[in-house]
């Protein structure tokens, strides 16, 4: 089965309080993004890797690759105005017809091999699969007059990679963009296609704040 990983990295680093985009921040001596690409290459060395990156960051990325001797083969697509447009640009670079595509946040370097395998395996049968983890904190819903506790068992936290039948995802991204498209699952669901949940891994954090960076250093 032909597999593609589409790694989306469009962060500006604003919440990190850094001028350096968060995907380029070093953990364990090399940029976050390199760890992420390595995770998918480790899973399947034949997998097509597509990195979606803002055009103005691509030159710097190539310099980083040269500096770190990073030679895992990957193609680069231009980042778009929104995540929706970035993914759409990345989909255009997929080789061939059919197969499976996993869309992954570039700043989630700690996705486990088991979760990647589970997502691709289930998507081969179910067509649309996303990894989730339990909510462990108490959750409150804001109301017009205040707030109220909700049953956390009714909710899940969504991670990536979100894996789909490639032809299905291409069709989904032919839809007109709306602000309700917050991830790939929401785009597919807009076509009336059910999205199935599989177990993620709690270490698969999205590195967006200085605290996340400290956690990431501890996870290495």
Protein backbone atom coordinates (compact mmCIF):
# COMPACT_ATOMS: atom_id res chain seq x y z
CA UNK A 1 0.00 0.00 0.00
CA UNK A 2 1.33 3.45 -0.93
CA UNK A 3 1.70 5.69 2.11
CA UNK A 4 2.30 9.42 2.38
CA UNK A 5 2.98 11.57 5.42
CA UNK A 6 2.11 15.21 5.02
CA UNK A 7 3.89 17.22 7.73
CA UNK A 8 2.36 20.65 8.25
CA UNK A 9 4.64 23.26 9.82
CA UNK A 10 3.40 26.82 9.60
CA UNK A 11 4.05 28.18 13.08
CA UNK A 12 5.43 31.64 13.72
CA UNK A 13 6.58 30.99 17.31
CA UNK A 14 4.45 33.78 18.81
CA UNK A 15 3.18 31.80 21.80
CA UNK A 16 6.71 30.57 22.37
CA UNK A 17 7.92 34.15 22.82
CA UNK A 18 10.61 33.44 20.26
CA UNK A 19 11.56 35.01 16.96
CA UNK A 20 12.51 31.55 15.73
CA UNK A 21 9.46 29.58 14.46
CA UNK A 22 8.65 26.78 16.91
CA UNK A 23 9.26 24.01 14.35
CA UNK A 24 12.93 25.10 14.16
CA UNK A 25 13.58 25.29 17.90
CA UNK A 26 16.21 22.76 19.02
CA UNK A 27 15.49 19.79 21.25
CA UNK A 28 18.22 17.26 21.82
CA UNK A 29 20.57 19.23 19.59
CA UNK A 30 18.43 19.43 16.46
CA UNK A 31 15.25 21.17 15.31
CA UNK A 32 11.85 19.83 16.35
CA UNK A 33 10.89 19.29 12.73
CA UNK A 34 13.75 16.88 12.10
CA UNK A 35 12.59 14.66 14.97
CA UNK A 36 9.09 14.63 13.46
CA UNK A 37 10.25 13.64 9.98
CA UNK A 38 12.49 10.95 11.47
CA UNK A 39 9.52 9.39 13.29
CA UNK A 40 7.67 8.74 10.01
CA UNK A 41 10.80 7.67 8.14
CA UNK A 42 11.50 5.19 10.93
CA UNK A 43 8.00 3.76 10.53
CA UNK A 44 8.24 3.28 6.76
CA UNK A 45 11.40 4.17 4.87
CA UNK A 46 9.50 3.93 1.56
CA UNK A 47 6.87 6.43 2.66
CA UNK A 48 6.64 9.65 0.69
CA UNK A 49 7.33 12.57 3.02
CA UNK A 50 5.91 15.99 2.15
CA UNK A 51 6.78 18.97 4.31
CA UNK A 52 4.46 21.98 4.09
CA UNK A 53 6.35 25.11 5.05
CA UNK A 54 5.82 28.85 4.47
CA UNK A 55 7.82 29.89 1.45
CA UNK A 56 9.77 32.48 3.44
CA UNK A 57 11.03 29.75 5.82
CA UNK A 58 12.15 27.23 3.20
CA UNK A 59 15.61 28.71 2.63
CA UNK A 60 16.33 28.64 6.35
CA UNK A 61 15.10 25.04 6.56
CA UNK A 62 17.50 23.98 3.79
CA UNK A 63 20.35 25.67 5.68
CA UNK A 64 19.40 23.76 8.83
CA UNK A 65 19.35 20.48 6.89
CA UNK A 66 22.85 21.19 5.59
CA UNK A 67 24.13 22.21 9.03
CA UNK A 68 22.77 19.07 10.71
CA UNK A 69 23.55 16.69 7.84
CA UNK A 70 19.85 15.87 7.61
CA UNK A 71 19.39 13.77 4.48
CA UNK A 72 16.01 12.06 4.84
CA UNK A 73 14.36 12.54 1.45
CA UNK A 74 11.33 14.83 1.50
CA UNK A 75 9.51 17.24 -0.77
CA UNK A 76 8.48 20.75 0.18
CA UNK A 77 5.12 22.37 -0.52
CA UNK A 78 4.30 26.02 0.10
CA UNK A 79 2.30 26.84 3.21
CA UNK A 80 -1.01 28.58 2.56
CA UNK A 81 -3.08 31.28 4.20
CA UNK A 82 -4.64 28.74 6.60
CA UNK A 83 -3.97 25.14 7.59
CA UNK A 84 -6.68 24.12 5.11
CA UNK A 85 -4.84 25.76 2.24
CA UNK A 86 -1.49 24.37 3.42
CA UNK A 87 -2.81 20.80 3.42
CA UNK A 88 -4.39 21.34 0.01
CA UNK A 89 -1.01 22.45 -1.36
CA UNK A 90 0.65 19.40 0.14
CA UNK A 91 -1.92 17.01 -1.33
CA UNK A 92 -1.01 18.25 -4.80
CA UNK A 93 2.47 16.73 -4.44
CA UNK A 94 1.36 13.18 -3.63
CA UNK A 95 2.72 10.67 -6.11
CA UNK A 96 0.33 8.28 -7.81
CA UNK A 97 -3.31 7.45 -7.21
CA UNK A 98 -4.87 5.76 -4.22
CA UNK A 99 -3.08 4.76 -1.04
CA UNK A 100 -3.24 6.37 2.38
CA UNK A 101 -2.17 9.80 3.58
CA UNK A 102 -1.47 10.86 7.14
CA UNK A 103 -1.54 14.57 8.00
CA UNK A 104 0.62 15.42 11.00
CA UNK A 105 1.54 18.55 12.95
CA UNK A 106 5.20 19.37 12.44
CA UNK A 107 5.57 20.21 16.12
CA UNK A 108 4.44 16.78 17.37
CA UNK A 109 7.79 14.94 17.31
CA UNK A 110 6.88 12.34 19.96
CA UNK A 111 4.18 10.41 18.14
CA UNK A 112 4.86 6.73 18.82
CA UNK A 113 5.54 4.12 16.18
CA UNK A 114 2.57 2.18 17.54
CA UNK A 115 0.19 5.10 17.01
CA UNK A 116 1.41 5.73 13.47
CA UNK A 117 0.96 2.03 12.66
CA UNK A 118 -2.47 1.90 14.31
CA UNK A 119 -3.74 4.92 12.40
CA UNK A 120 -2.59 3.65 9.00
CA UNK A 121 -3.80 0.11 9.69
CA UNK A 122 -7.29 1.21 10.75
CA UNK A 123 -7.58 3.80 7.97
CA UNK A 124 -6.94 1.08 5.39
CA UNK A 125 -10.27 -0.40 6.51
CA UNK A 126 -12.24 2.58 7.84
CA UNK A 127 -11.01 5.28 5.41
CA UNK A 128 -10.82 8.07 8.04
CA UNK A 129 -9.06 7.69 11.41
CA UNK A 130 -7.76 10.07 14.07
CA UNK A 131 -5.84 9.37 17.31
CA UNK A 132 -7.31 10.64 20.57
CA UNK A 133 -6.55 10.53 24.28
CA UNK A 134 -8.75 10.81 27.35
CA UNK A 135 -9.45 14.13 29.05
CA UNK A 136 -7.99 13.85 32.56
CA UNK A 137 -8.70 17.36 33.84
CA UNK A 138 -12.06 18.66 35.02
CA UNK A 139 -13.78 20.50 32.17
CA UNK A 140 -16.13 23.46 32.49
CA UNK A 141 -18.47 24.82 29.84
CA UNK A 142 -18.88 28.59 29.65
CA UNK A 143 -22.50 29.74 29.73
CA UNK A 144 -24.10 33.14 29.37
CA UNK A 145 -24.25 33.60 33.13
CA UNK A 146 -21.11 31.76 34.22
CA UNK A 147 -19.91 28.19 33.77
CA UNK A 148 -20.83 24.61 34.53
CA UNK A 149 -19.04 21.30 34.88
CA UNK A 150 -19.44 18.83 32.03
CA UNK A 151 -18.82 15.10 31.95
CA UNK A 152 -15.24 14.74 30.71
CA UNK A 153 -16.00 11.18 29.60
CA UNK A 154 -18.04 12.71 26.78
CA UNK A 155 -14.92 14.34 25.29
CA UNK A 156 -11.58 13.34 23.80
CA UNK A 157 -8.44 15.29 22.99
CA UNK A 158 -7.50 14.99 19.32
CA UNK A 159 -3.97 14.39 18.09
CA UNK A 160 -2.28 13.67 14.77
CA UNK A 161 -1.51 11.91 12.44
CA UNK A 162 -5.02 12.02 11.04
CA UNK A 163 -4.99 9.30 8.38
CA UNK A 164 -7.32 8.97 5.40
CA UNK A 165 -7.83 7.20 2.14
CA UNK A 166 -5.91 9.53 -0.17
CA UNK A 167 -8.65 9.84 -2.79
CA UNK A 168 -11.19 10.63 -0.07
CA UNK A 169 -9.02 13.38 1.37
CA UNK A 170 -8.42 14.89 -2.06
CA UNK A 171 -12.18 15.06 -2.65
CA UNK A 172 -12.73 16.59 0.78
CA UNK A 173 -10.24 19.36 0.05
CA UNK A 174 -12.09 20.30 -3.12
CA UNK A 175 -14.76 21.82 -0.87
CA UNK A 176 -14.88 25.56 -0.30
CA UNK A 177 -13.01 26.65 2.82
CA UNK A 178 -14.97 27.61 5.94
CA UNK A 179 -13.66 28.74 9.35
CA UNK A 180 -15.23 25.60 10.86
CA UNK A 181 -12.48 23.51 9.24
CA UNK A 182 -10.13 23.27 12.22
CA UNK A 183 -8.46 20.01 11.22
CA UNK A 184 -8.59 17.38 8.50
CA UNK A 185 -11.28 15.36 10.26
CA UNK A 186 -13.62 18.36 10.21
CA UNK A 187 -13.06 18.73 6.44
CA UNK A 188 -13.88 15.06 5.81
CA UNK A 189 -16.88 15.12 8.15
CA UNK A 190 -18.33 18.02 6.15
CA UNK A 191 -18.84 15.51 3.32
CA UNK A 192 -20.88 13.30 5.62
CA UNK A 193 -18.10 10.74 6.03
CA UNK A 194 -17.71 9.30 9.57
CA UNK A 195 -14.34 9.66 11.28
CA UNK A 196 -13.19 6.81 13.53
CA UNK A 197 -11.19 7.18 16.74
CA UNK A 198 -8.15 5.17 17.79
CA UNK A 199 -5.97 5.41 20.87
CA UNK A 200 -3.17 7.98 20.72
CA UNK A 201 -0.16 8.39 23.02
CA UNK A 202 -0.03 11.02 25.73
CA UNK A 203 3.61 11.87 24.95
CA UNK A 204 2.47 13.07 21.52
CA UNK A 205 2.31 16.68 22.67
CA UNK A 206 2.07 19.69 20.40
CA UNK A 207 5.00 21.98 21.18
CA UNK A 208 3.55 25.50 21.29
CA UNK A 209 4.73 27.07 24.58
CA UNK A 210 8.01 27.34 26.56
CA UNK A 211 6.59 24.80 29.03
CA UNK A 212 6.02 22.34 26.18
CA UNK A 213 9.66 22.76 25.21
CA UNK A 214 10.75 21.81 28.74
CA UNK A 215 8.50 18.73 28.61
CA UNK A 216 9.95 17.84 25.20
CA UNK A 217 13.50 17.98 26.55
CA UNK A 218 12.50 15.63 29.35
CA UNK A 219 10.91 13.17 26.89
CA UNK A 220 14.09 12.72 24.85
